Each structure stands twice: as C-alpha cells, then as structure tokens.
Amino acid sequence: MPYTNLKKILVSILSQLPEVINRADRITQIVNNIEQVNSKYRIEIRNVLNKLLISMIEREASDIEIGGFGTDNHIWLRVFGQKERVKEFPQLTSDEATILICNLLNNDQLKNLVDNKNLDFSYSFYYERKKREVRFRACTYYDIDTLAMNIRAINTVTRPIESFCFHPDAFKVMNHKHQKFGLTLITGITGSGKSTTLDSIIDYHNNNFPVHIVIIASPIEYVHISNTAIIRHREVGRDVLSFKDGVIESMRQDPDIIVIGEMRDPETIMAALEVTDTGHKVFSTLHTSSAVESIDRIVAEVHPNEQERVRNRLADVLVLVVSQKLVPSNDGRLVLAKEVLVVNSNVRAAIKNNNTSEIYMMINQSASSGMITMEQDLKRLYLNKTISLENAMAYANHKKRMQQILA
C-alpha cells in the first residue's frame, strides 16, 4: 500500500477522536480507542510497518526510530552505526505515530505501556520475498508526552563461534564439554553485539552437545530450534513474571545451561550467583564497557551489607568476561573489538580482596592464557589496517594506555 494511503487512513482515524489539550491524554485516548478501529484499516497499517521494516533490512540498518518528539516527525534508521533521517519514508505527526505503534500491541501490552511509560516486546512477520520469518526487538516509551518506538532487527542466522577468534583457553571456558559450571558475562553498551555473541555460543552448544538450555530474556530475540540440545525460551512478561523468577524456576527444570538475557537488578544478580553456585553453567550480559567495570558493577548493585558476600561468591563462580564494542571499520562497516578476562586464581584473589584495579594489568600480561585488553585488540585492528588510528583512540577505555602501546 502506498504511503499516501497510510496518511489518509491515519487522518480518518484521528478525525473520529475528540480533541484534547494534554498530549499525554491523547496517547491514553488512542490506546483506549485502538480496538474500535476498523480491522481492515488495522491490517493495512501493519502492512505499511512491515514494508518499512523490510526496507530497513534491505538497507542493512540495525534500528528504526518511529514517533516521539525527538524524531521531528521523520522516520530514522541506524545504518552501520550512523543515525539518519530517511526522506523516502512518510513523515508522521505525533498522533499518527502513536496509532502506528499502538496498532502493534495487544490489550495487556497497551495497559502496561500506559502504567509503566515503557514497554519491551518482540515482533515478527513472514518476509515473502525471502521466504522466512523475520524477528525484531522493540521498545516503546514516552518522549515529552509523545509516544516513541525503537525497533531493532534480530539476526536471522547466527555467526559461527569460530569467527569470533577466541583464544583456545577462553573458548574452553565457554564450552560445556570442558567446563560444566561457572558464570560467563558478555558485556558492552547497547548495540555492541552482545546478543549476537550470546546466540553464537548457544548455537554452538545446540549443534554439538545433548544438553538442556533455558533462555530467559526480555524480549526473546533469536529463536533457536532444538537440534542436539533441547532449548526452552522464556520471555519475561509473557512466559515468566521476571528475570529473578525465571532463574529461580529454572533450577527445577533440569537445565545444564541457563542464559539470562540481562543481570539488570540486585534480585536477578543474587539469583544468578545462586544458580551458578549450585553447579550450573550460566551466561548473561551487562551494560558495561570493560571486564573490571563489570565486576565492580555487580558488587555495587547490591546493598552494602551484602557486598562482601557477593564479592566472595562472584569470585568463586565467575569464569569468563568478554567485553565488546563495534568499531567503524575502514570499509564503512563495523568490526568487533573485544576484551577477554579468563578468571584464574590471581583474578579470584583480587576480586575477594577488593583489588579489582589490579585485574587490568593481569589481563594485559596474560595473552598466553587467552586474555586481551580492549586496547590491545584495538591496536591489532589498527595494525591490520581494519580501523583508523582515530577510531582506535576513540573506542579505547584507557586513552593514555592506548597512546603508550601505539607509541
């Protein structure tokens, strides 16, 4: 359907709603009336959204932004790390974007959105030209009394774990065959590829080991089809009430590997440490940019009275931290840079004694054990002419250290 027809439909729907003064009340009004919209209109609106998402995939964009004060009525894409307005896409007023967004949601989701001012959810449809289902992770939220939405494309195929070039010692720690327990953290800022790495690890185990894998995520992104392993997907808010509940309940589900989408609160952190302490292999993510910061963040998240106990328990169960960034490459795309910490006895002692500042130098001096600092990996990419000197410096965690190793 042409975009001009979309505008006509949206204007027609809005003409049936009474005027309100407060923009936030306008959102509630649309939420309360979206179910009464003609089903033919609703299908056509969703088809237009699918068309936008198909265009997003074909442009190799990772994200699309719709609605909200900040978009200035435009639809934006992130292509190879850069946000840009797309002039060919329709311009939508705040009310029109709100209808487009609310049309995606069921009644429970709409209620949660109004109550919490934020909603994470997944979305999928059948992509006829490629003959396959495509999936997306979405987040809708309020932006100065207007409704905004980010949708991120989920990879339809996983990268082989070998393509990440992990040192054999680091790879063994991830591998259930070699180590059947312990906590592995994949960390990085939003959009750094944490989910891609995690899905590759899951896919490797799915294809090689007869194990039971339980994935707890908000929302579920890549859906794994059970192969050699059996894989359960539990979406927070749909299949389980919270990350904490999912982790606790998983202990009664006979898992070998538990994947926690994100350790985002003290309750989930404590549950993750407990389930790992019982002898399970656990993978999770954190929004941190280095291995040391990841350790410090976990301890800082809990009450001060609990921090010593958490520090000791974390030292006992943590086996690996991978901190990663996606860096603009010289060919205009993105390349993975990573810091890898393999937890040995020296690292455990540093965590228990609250001497995490020593860990960076341990990583720096332990290349033979599979460790590498972010700065060392950025240097490798620069010397290989994969990234520029400017980007090597810009993405370093320790700028002075980066200058030293490049000198």
Protein backbone atom coordinates (compact mmCIF):
# COMPACT_ATOMS: atom_id res chain seq x y z
CA MET A 1 0.00 0.00 0.00
CA PRO A 2 1.44 3.45 -0.90
CA TYR A 3 2.39 5.71 1.97
CA THR A 4 -0.19 8.28 0.79
CA ASN A 5 -2.97 5.82 1.61
CA LEU A 6 -1.48 5.35 5.08
CA LYS A 7 -1.79 9.09 5.74
CA LYS A 8 -5.44 9.06 4.63
CA ILE A 9 -6.24 6.19 6.98
CA LEU A 10 -4.47 7.79 9.94
CA VAL A 11 -6.19 11.15 9.34
CA SER A 12 -9.56 9.35 9.12
CA ILE A 13 -8.98 7.56 12.44
CA LEU A 14 -7.89 10.74 14.20
CA SER A 15 -10.91 12.68 12.90
CA GLN A 16 -13.15 10.36 14.93
CA LEU A 17 -11.41 11.22 18.22
CA PRO A 18 -12.38 14.26 20.27
CA GLU A 19 -9.77 16.97 20.75
CA VAL A 20 -7.79 17.03 23.99
CA ILE A 21 -5.49 19.69 25.39
CA ASN A 22 -2.88 17.49 27.08
CA ARG A 23 -0.68 15.46 24.69
CA ALA A 24 -0.21 12.67 27.25
CA ASP A 25 -4.01 12.33 27.49
CA ARG A 26 -4.03 12.00 23.70
CA ILE A 27 -1.90 8.87 23.96
CA THR A 28 -4.29 7.37 26.53
CA GLN A 29 -7.23 8.28 24.30
CA ILE A 30 -5.70 6.47 21.31
CA VAL A 31 -4.83 3.47 23.49
CA ASN A 32 -8.43 3.27 24.70
CA ASN A 33 -9.87 3.50 21.19
CA ILE A 34 -7.46 1.48 19.07
CA GLU A 35 -9.57 -1.68 19.44
CA GLN A 36 -12.54 0.10 17.83
CA VAL A 37 -10.61 0.93 14.64
CA ASN A 38 -11.83 -0.88 11.55
CA SER A 39 -9.95 -4.20 11.26
CA LYS A 40 -9.24 -3.57 7.57
CA TYR A 41 -7.51 -0.30 8.49
CA ARG A 42 -5.51 -2.02 11.22
CA ILE A 43 -4.25 -4.69 8.82
CA GLU A 44 -3.26 -2.04 6.25
CA ILE A 45 -1.39 0.00 8.88
CA ARG A 46 0.53 -3.09 9.98
CA ASN A 47 1.36 -3.93 6.36
CA VAL A 48 2.90 -0.48 5.95
CA LEU A 49 5.01 -1.00 9.07
CA ASN A 50 6.16 -4.35 7.67
CA LYS A 51 7.09 -2.56 4.44
CA LEU A 52 9.20 -0.08 6.44
CA LEU A 53 10.90 -2.94 8.26
CA ILE A 54 11.62 -4.76 5.00
CA SER A 55 13.23 -1.58 3.67
CA MET A 56 15.25 -1.40 6.89
CA ILE A 57 16.54 -4.96 6.37
CA GLU A 58 17.41 -4.35 2.73
CA ARG A 59 19.39 -1.21 3.63
CA GLU A 60 21.29 -3.30 6.23
CA ALA A 61 20.10 -0.99 9.00
CA SER A 62 20.18 -2.24 12.58
CA ASP A 63 17.47 0.06 14.03
CA ILE A 64 14.48 2.16 13.06
CA GLU A 65 13.06 5.09 15.08
CA ILE A 66 9.38 6.00 14.79
CA GLY A 67 7.45 8.69 16.66
CA GLY A 68 8.31 10.83 19.63
CA PHE A 69 9.24 14.49 19.92
CA GLY A 70 12.90 13.80 19.06
CA THR A 71 12.25 12.41 15.57
CA ASP A 72 10.90 15.75 14.29
CA ASN A 73 8.13 13.77 12.52
CA HIS A 74 10.69 11.82 10.47
CA ILE A 75 11.48 8.10 10.49
CA TRP A 76 15.16 7.42 11.20
CA LEU A 77 17.44 4.46 10.52
CA ARG A 78 20.80 3.44 12.00
CA VAL A 79 22.96 2.22 9.13
CA PHE A 80 26.45 0.93 10.01
CA GLY A 81 26.35 2.84 13.28
CA GLN A 82 25.09 6.18 11.91
CA LYS A 83 21.59 7.57 12.60
CA GLU A 84 19.95 9.28 9.63
CA ARG A 85 16.53 10.61 8.56
CA VAL A 86 15.05 8.71 5.61
CA LYS A 87 13.40 11.17 3.25
CA GLU A 88 11.61 8.46 1.25
CA PHE A 89 9.71 7.30 4.33
CA PRO A 90 6.45 9.01 5.35
CA GLN A 91 6.54 11.85 7.84
CA LEU A 92 4.21 11.17 10.76
CA THR A 93 2.74 13.55 13.29
CA SER A 94 2.88 12.51 16.96
CA ASP A 95 -0.73 11.26 16.86
CA GLU A 96 -0.18 9.34 13.61
CA ALA A 97 2.94 7.65 15.01
CA THR A 98 1.03 6.78 18.21
CA ILE A 99 -1.62 4.95 16.16
CA LEU A 100 1.08 3.09 14.22
CA ILE A 101 2.74 2.00 17.49
CA CYS A 102 -0.44 1.12 19.42
CA ASN A 103 -1.69 -0.92 16.46
CA LEU A 104 1.15 -3.39 17.16
CA LEU A 105 0.16 -4.09 20.76
CA ASN A 106 -2.43 -6.28 22.45
CA ASN A 107 -4.61 -5.11 25.35
CA ASP A 108 -2.24 -6.29 28.10
CA GLN A 109 0.71 -4.62 26.41
CA LEU A 110 -1.23 -1.36 25.98
CA LYS A 111 -2.13 -1.37 29.68
CA ASN A 112 1.49 -1.99 30.68
CA LEU A 113 2.64 0.81 28.40
CA VAL A 114 0.29 3.37 29.96
CA ASP A 115 1.05 2.19 33.52
CA ASN A 116 4.85 1.99 33.16
CA LYS A 117 5.52 4.54 30.38
CA ASN A 118 7.73 1.91 28.70
CA LEU A 119 7.28 -1.49 27.07
CA ASP A 120 9.75 -4.02 25.65
CA PHE A 121 8.30 -6.56 23.22
CA SER A 122 9.15 -8.70 20.21
CA TYR A 123 7.58 -8.58 16.76
CA SER A 124 7.76 -10.89 13.76
CA PHE A 125 6.20 -11.45 10.35
CA TYR A 126 6.71 -13.61 7.28
CA TYR A 127 9.01 -11.99 4.72
CA GLU A 128 7.54 -13.28 1.46
CA ARG A 129 10.47 -12.45 -0.85
CA LYS A 130 13.00 -14.24 1.37
CA LYS A 131 10.51 -17.00 2.31
CA ARG A 132 11.29 -16.78 6.02
CA GLU A 133 10.13 -15.32 9.32
CA VAL A 134 11.90 -12.13 10.39
CA ARG A 135 12.06 -11.05 14.04
CA PHE A 136 12.56 -7.73 15.77
CA ARG A 137 13.12 -6.44 19.29
CA ALA A 138 11.07 -3.34 20.06
CA CYS A 139 10.89 -0.75 22.82
CA THR A 140 8.16 1.89 23.01
CA TYR A 141 8.32 4.73 25.52
CA TYR A 142 7.23 8.31 26.25
CA ASP A 143 9.22 11.27 24.89
CA ILE A 144 7.92 14.64 26.20
CA ASP A 145 4.32 13.40 26.28
CA THR A 146 4.61 11.75 22.87
CA LEU A 147 4.99 8.06 22.08
CA ALA A 148 8.28 6.85 20.57
CA MET A 149 9.44 3.44 19.37
CA ASN A 150 12.76 1.83 18.55
CA ILE A 151 12.76 -1.44 16.61
CA ARG A 152 15.96 -3.43 16.23
CA ALA A 153 16.44 -6.15 13.64
CA ILE A 154 17.34 -9.56 15.03
CA ASN A 155 19.78 -11.64 13.03
CA THR A 156 18.06 -14.49 11.24
CA VAL A 157 21.26 -16.54 11.18
CA THR A 158 23.93 -16.94 13.84
CA ARG A 159 27.62 -16.42 13.27
CA PRO A 160 29.79 -19.50 13.87
CA ILE A 161 31.57 -19.10 17.20
CA GLU A 162 34.88 -19.75 15.46
CA SER A 163 34.51 -16.44 13.59
CA PHE A 164 34.99 -14.52 16.87
CA CYS A 165 38.61 -15.72 17.05
CA PHE A 166 38.61 -16.51 20.75
CA HIS A 167 41.84 -17.95 22.14
CA PRO A 168 41.53 -21.74 22.73
CA ASP A 169 41.79 -21.25 26.51
CA ALA A 170 38.92 -18.75 26.50
CA PHE A 171 36.87 -20.97 24.21
CA LYS A 172 37.32 -23.95 26.55
CA VAL A 173 35.81 -21.96 29.43
CA MET A 174 32.67 -21.29 27.34
CA ASN A 175 32.46 -24.89 26.21
CA HIS A 176 30.17 -27.15 28.26
CA LYS A 177 32.26 -30.19 27.34
CA HIS A 178 35.34 -28.74 29.04
CA GLN A 179 33.68 -26.80 31.88
CA LYS A 180 30.20 -27.65 33.06
CA PHE A 181 29.68 -24.83 35.56
CA GLY A 182 30.51 -21.18 36.09
CA LEU A 183 29.29 -17.71 35.13
CA THR A 184 30.28 -16.16 31.80
CA LEU A 185 29.47 -12.49 31.17
CA ILE A 186 29.14 -10.89 27.74
CA THR A 187 29.24 -7.13 28.27
CA GLY A 188 29.11 -3.92 26.28
CA ILE A 189 26.97 -0.87 25.65
CA THR A 190 23.65 -1.10 23.81
CA GLY A 191 24.25 -2.09 20.19
CA SER A 192 27.65 -3.66 20.78
CA GLY A 193 26.60 -7.13 19.59
CA LYS A 194 26.18 -8.86 22.96
CA SER A 195 23.11 -10.78 21.79
CA THR A 196 24.88 -11.90 18.61
CA THR A 197 27.78 -13.32 20.64
CA LEU A 198 25.44 -14.99 23.11
CA ASP A 199 23.36 -16.56 20.32
CA SER A 200 26.51 -17.90 18.67
CA ILE A 201 27.53 -19.58 21.94
CA ILE A 202 24.05 -21.08 22.32
CA ASP A 203 24.05 -22.24 18.70
CA TYR A 204 27.42 -23.94 19.15
CA HIS A 205 26.10 -25.93 22.12
CA ASN A 206 22.83 -26.64 20.33
CA ASN A 207 24.68 -28.25 17.44
CA ASN A 208 27.22 -30.22 19.45
CA PHE A 209 26.02 -31.28 22.92
CA PRO A 210 22.96 -33.16 24.22
CA VAL A 211 22.15 -30.59 26.91
CA HIS A 212 19.13 -28.67 28.17
CA ILE A 213 19.37 -24.89 27.64
CA VAL A 214 16.91 -22.47 29.28
CA ILE A 215 16.89 -18.91 27.89
CA ILE A 216 15.28 -16.14 29.96
CA ALA A 217 15.09 -12.84 28.06
CA SER A 218 13.14 -9.60 27.68
CA PRO A 219 12.16 -9.93 24.92
CA ILE A 220 13.16 -13.20 23.25
CA GLU A 221 15.15 -12.24 20.17
CA TYR A 222 16.69 -15.04 18.07
CA VAL A 223 14.63 -18.22 18.38
CA HIS A 224 16.78 -21.36 18.43
CA ILE A 225 15.36 -24.60 17.05
CA SER A 226 16.34 -27.57 19.20
CA ASN A 227 18.94 -29.74 17.48
CA THR A 228 21.35 -31.86 19.53
CA ALA A 229 20.30 -29.81 22.56
CA ILE A 230 16.79 -29.03 23.79
CA ILE A 231 16.22 -25.29 24.12
CA ARG A 232 13.48 -23.53 26.11
CA HIS A 233 12.66 -19.85 25.52
CA ARG A 234 11.01 -17.91 28.37
CA GLU A 235 10.11 -14.30 27.66
CA VAL A 236 9.79 -12.02 30.69
CA GLY A 237 6.25 -10.66 30.90
CA ARG A 238 4.83 -13.39 28.68
CA ASP A 239 6.17 -16.77 29.87
CA VAL A 240 7.56 -15.72 33.25
CA LEU A 241 6.96 -12.72 35.51
CA SER A 242 10.56 -11.53 35.98
CA PHE A 243 14.21 -12.43 35.38
CA LYS A 244 14.52 -13.41 39.05
CA ASP A 245 11.52 -15.73 38.86
CA GLY A 246 12.81 -17.25 35.62
CA VAL A 247 16.20 -18.00 37.16
CA ILE A 248 14.74 -19.50 40.34
CA GLU A 249 12.17 -21.56 38.43
CA SER A 250 14.84 -22.83 36.03
CA MET A 251 16.53 -24.70 38.89
CA ARG A 252 13.53 -27.06 38.92
CA GLN A 253 13.56 -27.57 35.14
CA ASP A 254 16.65 -29.78 34.91
CA PRO A 255 18.85 -27.36 32.93
CA ASP A 256 22.50 -27.76 32.01
CA ILE A 257 22.92 -24.20 30.72
CA ILE A 258 20.94 -21.14 31.80
CA VAL A 259 21.04 -17.97 29.70
CA ILE A 260 19.92 -14.79 31.47
CA GLY A 261 19.28 -12.00 28.97
CA GLU A 262 20.47 -9.29 31.35
CA MET A 263 21.51 -9.01 35.00
CA ARG A 264 19.72 -5.70 35.46
CA ASP A 265 18.81 -5.60 39.17
CA PRO A 266 20.10 -6.89 42.55
CA GLU A 267 17.48 -9.66 42.71
CA THR A 268 18.50 -11.10 39.35
CA ILE A 269 22.19 -10.81 40.24
CA MET A 270 21.70 -12.70 43.51
CA ALA A 271 19.60 -15.38 41.77
CA ALA A 272 22.21 -15.77 39.01
CA LEU A 273 25.03 -16.20 41.53
CA GLU A 274 22.97 -18.71 43.49
CA VAL A 275 22.06 -20.85 40.48
CA THR A 276 25.68 -20.82 39.28
CA ASP A 277 26.82 -21.80 42.76
CA THR A 278 24.64 -24.92 42.54
CA GLY A 279 26.81 -26.20 39.70
CA HIS A 280 25.11 -24.86 36.55
CA LYS A 281 26.69 -23.17 33.56
CA VAL A 282 25.29 -19.65 33.26
CA PHE A 283 25.67 -17.00 30.56
CA SER A 284 24.44 -13.43 30.97
CA THR A 285 25.00 -9.84 29.82
CA LEU A 286 25.76 -6.49 31.44
CA HIS A 287 25.80 -2.93 30.09
CA THR A 288 29.45 -2.28 30.93
CA SER A 289 32.44 -1.47 28.76
CA SER A 290 35.25 -3.44 30.44
CA ALA A 291 35.87 -6.57 32.48
CA VAL A 292 36.87 -4.66 35.61
CA GLU A 293 33.83 -2.39 35.37
CA SER A 294 31.61 -5.48 35.05
CA ILE A 295 32.93 -6.94 38.30
CA ASP A 296 32.63 -3.62 40.12
CA ARG A 297 29.09 -3.07 38.79
CA ILE A 298 27.82 -6.41 40.08
CA VAL A 299 29.16 -5.75 43.57
CA ALA A 300 27.92 -2.14 43.60
CA GLU A 301 24.39 -3.16 42.60
CA VAL A 302 23.68 -4.94 45.89
CA HIS A 303 23.18 -3.47 49.36
CA PRO A 304 26.46 -2.51 51.12
CA ASN A 305 25.74 -5.12 53.80
CA GLU A 306 25.71 -7.79 51.08
CA GLN A 307 28.71 -6.64 49.07
CA GLU A 308 31.40 -8.70 50.78
CA ARG A 309 29.33 -11.86 50.47
CA VAL A 310 28.57 -11.13 46.81
CA ARG A 311 32.24 -10.35 46.12
CA ASN A 312 33.29 -13.72 47.53
CA ARG A 313 30.56 -15.63 45.73
CA LEU A 314 31.30 -13.85 42.44
CA ALA A 315 34.99 -14.72 42.76
CA ASP A 316 34.05 -18.39 43.22
CA VAL A 317 31.65 -18.66 40.25
CA LEU A 318 32.91 -16.18 37.63
CA VAL A 319 34.92 -17.91 34.89
CA LEU A 320 34.98 -15.52 31.91
CA VAL A 321 34.18 -11.92 30.96
CA VAL A 322 34.01 -10.77 27.34
CA SER A 323 33.58 -7.00 26.90
CA GLN A 324 32.97 -5.91 23.34
CA LYS A 325 32.48 -2.91 21.07
CA LEU A 326 31.50 -2.49 17.44
CA VAL A 327 34.01 -0.11 15.86
CA PRO A 328 33.60 1.63 12.47
CA SER A 329 35.98 -0.04 10.05
CA ASN A 330 37.90 1.48 7.16
CA ASP A 331 35.43 -0.03 4.67
CA GLY A 332 32.49 1.82 6.24
CA ARG A 333 31.10 -1.12 8.19
CA LEU A 334 31.51 -2.27 11.80
CA VAL A 335 34.08 -4.66 13.26
CA LEU A 336 34.18 -6.35 16.65
CA ALA A 337 36.80 -5.35 19.22
CA LYS A 338 36.83 -7.29 22.47
CA GLU A 339 38.43 -7.52 25.89
CA VAL A 340 38.66 -11.01 27.36
CA LEU A 341 39.23 -11.91 31.01
CA VAL A 342 39.76 -15.58 31.88
CA VAL A 343 39.32 -15.88 35.64
CA ASN A 344 42.27 -17.64 37.29
CA SER A 345 43.42 -17.88 40.91
CA ASN A 346 45.09 -14.46 40.81
CA VAL A 347 41.95 -12.79 39.50
CA ARG A 348 39.83 -14.56 42.12
CA ALA A 349 42.10 -13.30 44.87
CA ALA A 350 41.92 -9.75 43.50
CA ILE A 351 38.10 -9.88 43.48
CA LYS A 352 37.88 -11.29 47.01
CA ASN A 353 40.36 -8.73 48.36
CA ASN A 354 38.56 -5.87 46.59
CA ASN A 355 41.65 -5.15 44.50
CA THR A 356 39.93 -5.13 41.11
CA SER A 357 42.19 -2.29 39.93
CA GLU A 358 44.95 -4.91 39.61
CA ILE A 359 42.97 -7.00 37.15
CA TYR A 360 43.62 -4.83 34.08
CA MET A 361 47.37 -5.48 34.27
CA MET A 362 46.69 -9.20 34.80
CA ILE A 363 44.75 -9.21 31.52
CA ASN A 364 47.47 -7.14 29.84
CA GLN A 365 50.18 -9.65 30.79
CA SER A 366 48.26 -12.90 30.16
CA ALA A 367 47.95 -13.23 26.40
CA SER A 368 49.21 -16.82 26.63
CA SER A 369 46.16 -17.66 28.80
CA GLY A 370 43.65 -16.29 26.31
CA MET A 371 43.33 -12.79 27.75
CA ILE A 372 43.44 -9.49 25.89
CA THR A 373 42.65 -5.90 26.84
CA MET A 374 40.42 -3.69 24.71
CA GLU A 375 43.44 -1.52 23.94
CA GLN A 376 45.50 -4.49 22.73
CA ASP A 377 42.68 -5.64 20.46
CA LEU A 378 42.15 -2.14 19.07
CA LYS A 379 45.89 -1.99 18.35
CA ARG A 380 45.64 -5.32 16.49
CA LEU A 381 42.78 -3.97 14.35
CA TYR A 382 44.71 -0.76 13.64
CA LEU A 383 47.93 -2.56 12.66
CA ASN A 384 45.88 -4.83 10.39
CA LYS A 385 44.55 -1.65 8.71
CA THR A 386 41.00 -2.66 9.67
CA ILE A 387 40.28 0.53 11.65
CA SER A 388 41.72 4.04 11.66
CA LEU A 389 44.03 5.46 14.31
CA GLU A 390 41.30 7.96 15.19
CA ASN A 391 38.79 5.19 15.92
CA ALA A 392 41.37 3.12 17.81
CA MET A 393 41.79 6.07 20.18
CA ALA A 394 38.08 6.96 20.30
CA TYR A 395 36.97 3.46 21.33
CA ALA A 396 39.76 2.77 23.86
CA ASN A 397 38.72 2.54 27.51
CA HIS A 398 42.10 3.89 28.65
CA LYS A 399 43.25 6.67 26.31
CA LYS A 400 46.70 7.13 27.88
CA ARG A 401 47.31 3.40 27.83
CA MET A 402 46.29 3.33 24.17
CA GLN A 403 48.78 6.10 23.37
CA GLN A 404 51.52 4.18 25.18
CA ILE A 405 51.02 0.89 23.35
CA LEU A 406 50.78 2.63 19.99
CA ALA A 407 53.96 4.70 20.57
